[in-house]
Amino acid sequence: MKKDRPRNERSLSRQEMLERHRRREYQDTKNELNEFSRRALAGLQYQPEAEGLGTTLKKLDRRLAAASGSGRSFPIRRFLSIAAAAAFLLVAGYFFLSQSSGNEALFAQHFDYLPSAVNTDSGGRNAGPSAYEEATPSRAKAMQAYEAGNYQLARNLMEKYLAENNRDSEIRGYLGIVLLGEGKAEMAGRELESALANLPQPAYERPLKWYLALALLQNGHTERARALFLELEDGKDRYATESRAVLKQI
């Protein structure tokens, strides 16, 4: 079902993390970064507002030094200068160590956008903005925006499209994923539940259950999320693997 989505291997540096967090840029809209760096960037939106990211990273420096047992400085800037892909693991680790919301940390660790499996007749996944920024929204334009990583535009186009085509559960499922990526877990859950109730095709069942479980987790409905993760844990696909990982921590 899934199409391969090429990824750039560029890593997110510590300085870029700080700059993007300052600008509240939490999505890799140009598809430039490797997987760990993309997840690190998305996870930064859960940084506690009361504390600056620089302070968080310094705290983690000290915790890592203490954990090493050597008494020597063991700054994460050394890791980030060598392989900034580890940034995600460090940021997620901070949330666990500081005892902030475990659900939010798990969500940041496991959320990623589902590559599009929707067939569109115009433009393709390499189309530029002019291909979908016309006045009249359509199914193809919404998905082209999604594939280009322009999730805000994709949401607007999907919502307009669904206002006139409310039985299209395939697009509704992707809208739920976009809303989830924006932190609108309650709204995302409603869209995902609706898409699951009117399954567009069998291959969507496990992905939609996975994203619904993440929405429930982010919204604090841990037991309902657990039930879905338990349904997904048997198997060899990514949803089984990641569900087993989540179940160990909730």
Protein backbone atom coordinates (compact mmCIF):
# COMPACT_ATOMS: atom_id res chain seq x y z
CA MET A 1 0.00 0.00 0.00
CA LYS A 2 2.75 2.41 0.92
CA LYS A 3 4.85 4.22 -1.64
CA ASP A 4 8.51 4.73 -0.95
CA ARG A 5 9.19 8.27 0.12
CA PRO A 6 12.79 9.30 -0.52
CA ARG A 7 14.52 10.85 2.47
CA ASN A 8 17.46 13.17 2.53
CA GLU A 9 20.17 12.06 4.93
CA ARG A 10 20.97 15.49 6.34
CA SER A 11 21.08 15.60 10.13
CA LEU A 12 19.66 18.34 12.30
CA SER A 13 22.38 20.20 14.17
CA ARG A 14 22.03 21.42 17.73
CA GLN A 15 22.08 25.07 16.57
CA GLU A 16 19.42 24.38 13.96
CA MET A 17 17.28 22.71 16.61
CA LEU A 18 17.46 25.89 18.67
CA GLU A 19 16.75 28.14 15.70
CA ARG A 20 13.81 26.13 14.42
CA HIS A 21 12.34 25.87 17.88
CA ARG A 22 12.61 29.65 18.25
CA ARG A 23 10.71 30.06 14.96
CA ARG A 24 8.24 27.28 15.91
CA GLU A 25 9.10 25.31 12.77
CA TYR A 26 8.37 21.74 13.78
CA GLN A 27 7.91 20.03 10.43
CA ASP A 28 10.48 19.13 7.77
CA THR A 29 8.35 20.68 4.99
CA LYS A 30 11.13 20.45 2.39
CA ASN A 31 11.84 16.79 3.15
CA GLU A 32 15.52 17.56 3.83
CA LEU A 33 16.23 15.61 7.02
CA ASN A 34 16.83 12.01 7.97
CA GLU A 35 14.24 10.09 9.99
CA PHE A 36 15.64 10.70 13.47
CA SER A 37 16.07 14.41 12.75
CA ARG A 38 12.52 14.74 11.45
CA ARG A 39 11.21 13.13 14.62
CA ALA A 40 13.44 15.32 16.75
CA LEU A 41 12.02 18.38 15.06
CA ALA A 42 8.44 17.23 15.58
CA GLY A 43 9.17 16.40 19.21
CA LEU A 44 10.37 19.94 19.95
CA GLN A 45 6.79 21.21 19.98
CA TYR A 46 6.36 19.39 23.31
CA GLN A 47 9.17 21.33 24.95
CA PRO A 48 7.75 22.84 28.19
CA GLU A 49 7.06 26.53 27.58
CA ALA A 50 8.31 27.46 31.03
CA GLU A 51 11.83 26.34 30.16
CA GLY A 52 14.02 27.28 27.20
CA LEU A 53 15.28 24.53 24.93
CA GLY A 54 18.88 25.55 25.63
CA THR A 55 18.27 24.98 29.33
CA THR A 56 16.71 21.60 28.60
CA LEU A 57 19.71 20.49 26.57
CA LYS A 58 22.13 21.63 29.28
CA LYS A 59 20.16 19.65 31.87
CA LEU A 60 20.42 16.62 29.65
CA ASP A 61 24.17 17.24 29.31
CA ARG A 62 24.48 16.99 33.08
CA ARG A 63 22.24 13.92 33.34
CA LEU A 64 24.26 12.11 30.69
CA ALA A 65 27.49 13.00 32.45
CA ALA A 66 26.10 11.65 35.72
CA ALA A 67 24.81 8.52 34.01
CA SER A 68 28.22 7.83 32.50
CA GLY A 69 29.61 7.40 36.02
CA SER A 70 32.90 8.89 34.94
CA GLY A 71 32.50 12.33 36.45
CA ARG A 72 33.70 13.75 33.14
CA SER A 73 31.73 16.16 31.00
CA PHE A 74 29.81 14.26 28.38
CA PRO A 75 28.00 17.04 26.46
CA ILE A 76 25.38 16.18 23.88
CA ARG A 77 26.86 18.77 21.56
CA ARG A 78 29.57 16.18 20.92
CA PHE A 79 26.94 13.71 19.80
CA LEU A 80 25.13 16.27 17.71
CA SER A 81 28.29 17.38 15.95
CA ILE A 82 28.99 13.75 15.02
CA ALA A 83 25.50 12.41 14.41
CA ALA A 84 22.68 14.84 15.06
CA ALA A 85 20.20 12.09 14.27
CA ALA A 86 20.54 11.17 17.95
CA ALA A 87 18.85 14.47 18.81
CA PHE A 88 15.43 12.86 18.84
CA LEU A 89 16.49 10.21 21.33
CA LEU A 90 18.02 12.85 23.57
CA VAL A 91 14.99 15.11 23.49
CA ALA A 92 12.61 12.21 24.09
CA GLY A 93 14.89 11.00 26.89
CA TYR A 94 14.63 14.35 28.59
CA PHE A 95 10.87 14.03 28.84
CA PHE A 96 11.16 10.66 30.54
CA LEU A 97 13.94 11.79 32.85
CA SER A 98 12.13 14.98 33.86
CA GLN A 99 8.88 13.02 34.43
CA SER A 100 6.82 15.15 32.10
CA SER A 101 3.91 13.55 30.30
CA GLY A 102 4.95 10.04 29.27
CA ASN A 103 2.13 9.94 26.72
CA GLU A 104 3.41 13.06 24.95
CA ALA A 105 6.94 11.68 24.87
CA LEU A 106 5.69 8.40 23.40
CA PHE A 107 3.65 10.26 20.82
CA ALA A 108 6.64 12.39 19.78
CA GLN A 109 8.74 9.25 19.50
CA HIS A 110 6.32 7.27 17.34
CA PHE A 111 4.34 9.75 15.23
CA ASP A 112 5.21 10.17 11.60
CA TYR A 113 3.08 11.04 8.59
CA LEU A 114 1.75 8.12 6.55
CA PRO A 115 3.16 8.23 3.00
CA SER A 116 0.34 8.76 0.55
CA ALA A 117 -1.17 5.76 -1.17
CA VAL A 118 -3.81 7.90 -2.91
CA ASN A 119 -3.82 7.90 -6.70
CA THR A 120 -3.97 11.41 -8.16
CA ASP A 121 -4.30 12.20 -11.83
CA SER A 122 -2.32 15.44 -11.99
CA GLY A 123 1.07 16.63 -10.88
CA GLY A 124 2.36 13.71 -8.83
CA ARG A 125 4.36 13.93 -5.64
CA ASN A 126 6.99 16.20 -7.26
CA ALA A 127 4.52 18.91 -8.24
CA GLY A 128 5.31 22.43 -7.08
CA PRO A 129 3.01 24.74 -5.10
CA SER A 130 1.41 26.20 -8.25
CA ALA A 131 -0.04 22.77 -8.99
CA TYR A 132 -2.35 22.87 -5.99
CA GLU A 133 -2.77 26.49 -4.91
CA GLU A 134 -5.67 27.25 -7.21
CA ALA A 135 -8.96 28.61 -5.91
CA THR A 136 -11.10 25.48 -6.24
CA PRO A 137 -10.06 22.69 -3.85
CA SER A 138 -10.00 19.10 -5.13
CA ARG A 139 -8.98 15.67 -3.99
CA ALA A 140 -5.80 15.67 -6.09
CA LYS A 141 -4.70 19.12 -4.94
CA ALA A 142 -5.20 18.20 -1.28
CA MET A 143 -3.06 15.11 -1.62
CA GLN A 144 -0.38 16.90 -3.64
CA ALA A 145 -0.09 19.40 -0.81
CA TYR A 146 0.12 16.52 1.67
CA GLU A 147 2.83 14.76 -0.34
CA ALA A 148 4.79 18.02 -0.62
CA GLY A 149 4.78 18.33 3.18
CA ASN A 150 2.58 21.44 3.15
CA TYR A 151 0.30 20.06 5.83
CA GLN A 152 -1.51 23.29 6.69
CA LEU A 153 -2.58 23.76 3.08
CA ALA A 154 -3.41 20.07 2.83
CA ARG A 155 -5.71 20.36 5.86
CA ASN A 156 -7.50 23.38 4.40
CA LEU A 157 -8.00 21.66 1.05
CA MET A 158 -9.09 18.38 2.63
CA GLU A 159 -11.65 20.12 4.83
CA LYS A 160 -13.09 22.03 1.85
CA TYR A 161 -13.15 18.90 -0.27
CA LEU A 162 -14.83 16.82 2.45
CA ALA A 163 -17.48 19.52 2.98
CA GLU A 164 -18.78 18.52 -0.47
CA ASN A 165 -17.62 14.88 -0.49
CA ASN A 166 -18.17 13.73 3.06
CA ARG A 167 -18.30 10.02 2.16
CA ASP A 168 -14.66 9.92 1.05
CA SER A 169 -13.23 8.07 4.04
CA GLU A 170 -9.79 7.74 2.42
CA ILE A 171 -9.23 11.51 2.44
CA ARG A 172 -10.86 11.70 5.88
CA GLY A 173 -8.23 9.31 7.22
CA TYR A 174 -5.41 11.49 5.91
CA LEU A 175 -7.11 14.57 7.37
CA GLY A 176 -7.08 12.82 10.74
CA ILE A 177 -3.35 12.22 10.41
CA VAL A 178 -2.71 15.88 9.51
CA LEU A 179 -4.75 17.06 12.50
CA LEU A 180 -2.84 14.66 14.72
CA GLY A 181 0.45 16.11 13.47
CA GLU A 182 -0.84 19.58 14.41
CA GLY A 183 -1.52 18.45 17.96
CA LYS A 184 -5.33 18.42 17.54
CA ALA A 185 -5.73 14.95 18.98
CA GLU A 186 -9.44 15.12 19.78
CA MET A 187 -10.39 16.34 16.29
CA ALA A 188 -8.00 13.81 14.75
CA GLY A 189 -9.59 10.99 16.72
CA ARG A 190 -13.06 11.82 15.40
CA GLU A 191 -11.87 11.84 11.79
CA LEU A 192 -9.91 8.61 12.20
CA GLU A 193 -12.80 6.81 13.90
CA SER A 194 -15.10 7.89 11.07
CA ALA A 195 -12.62 6.63 8.46
CA LEU A 196 -12.29 3.31 10.28
CA ALA A 197 -16.06 2.91 10.47
CA ASN A 198 -16.25 3.32 6.69
CA LEU A 199 -12.99 1.66 5.73
CA PRO A 200 -11.92 2.77 2.22
CA GLN A 201 -10.06 -0.51 1.64
CA PRO A 202 -8.78 -3.31 3.90
CA ALA A 203 -5.15 -2.20 3.67
CA TYR A 204 -6.02 0.97 5.60
CA GLU A 205 -7.30 -0.83 8.69
CA ARG A 206 -3.99 -1.21 10.52
CA PRO A 207 -2.62 2.25 9.68
CA LEU A 208 -5.85 3.94 10.77
CA LYS A 209 -5.96 1.93 14.01
CA TRP A 210 -2.34 2.92 14.69
CA TYR A 211 -3.00 6.65 14.24
CA LEU A 212 -6.22 6.45 16.23
CA ALA A 213 -4.29 4.77 19.05
CA LEU A 214 -1.74 7.62 18.95
CA ALA A 215 -4.56 10.18 19.02
CA LEU A 216 -6.09 8.49 22.06
CA LEU A 217 -2.68 8.31 23.72
CA GLN A 218 -2.00 11.99 23.12
CA ASN A 219 -5.47 12.89 24.37
CA GLY A 220 -4.92 11.01 27.66
CA HIS A 221 -7.16 8.00 26.91
CA THR A 222 -4.42 5.52 27.73
CA GLU A 223 -6.56 2.43 28.26
CA ARG A 224 -8.45 2.86 25.00
CA ALA A 225 -5.13 3.40 23.22
CA ARG A 226 -3.70 0.29 24.88
CA ALA A 227 -6.58 -1.81 23.54
CA LEU A 228 -5.78 -0.75 19.98
CA PHE A 229 -2.04 -1.31 20.42
CA LEU A 230 -2.86 -4.82 21.67
CA GLU A 231 -4.85 -5.44 18.49
CA LEU A 232 -1.88 -4.35 16.40
CA GLU A 233 0.99 -6.03 18.25
CA ASP A 234 0.77 -9.37 16.45
CA GLY A 235 2.53 -9.31 13.11
CA LYS A 236 5.74 -8.28 11.41
CA ASP A 237 4.83 -4.86 9.99
CA ARG A 238 5.89 -1.51 11.49
CA TYR A 239 2.59 -1.19 13.36
CA ALA A 240 3.21 -4.45 15.21
CA THR A 241 6.81 -3.52 16.04
CA GLU A 242 5.98 -0.03 17.24
CA SER A 243 2.88 -1.16 19.14
CA ARG A 244 4.98 -3.64 21.10
CA ALA A 245 7.45 -0.86 21.89
CA VAL A 246 4.67 1.44 23.10
CA LEU A 247 3.03 -1.27 25.21
CA LYS A 248 6.25 -1.70 27.17
CA GLN A 249 6.03 1.94 28.29
CA ILE A 250 2.35 2.53 29.11
